[in-house]
Amino acid sequence: MAGMTSNAARVVLGVRGMTRDAGTSVAAALSALPGVTRATPDEGRIEGHYDPSQLPVMDLVRSVRSQGFLAGML
């Protein structure tokens, strides 16, 4: 995948109350984090691809929570 390093990881976060429309802004917030190469929203969840050597997965969870949603790893 373009932009992915050999250290790339994938995580799926459950996001309570997030609609697909709201997922667009949540994905933008995740994509703005250093090390996040892709964030794909769906109803009630978001898939993120990131480099764990640049940030821990909890930073992704915190970013989603800062958008006003409850989130956790699935």
Foldseek 3Di string as FASTA:
>chain_A
DPPADPQKDKFKKFWPPDAQVNQVVLFVQLCPDPFWDGWADHGRMIMTIGRVVRDNVVVSQVSSVVSPIHMDTD
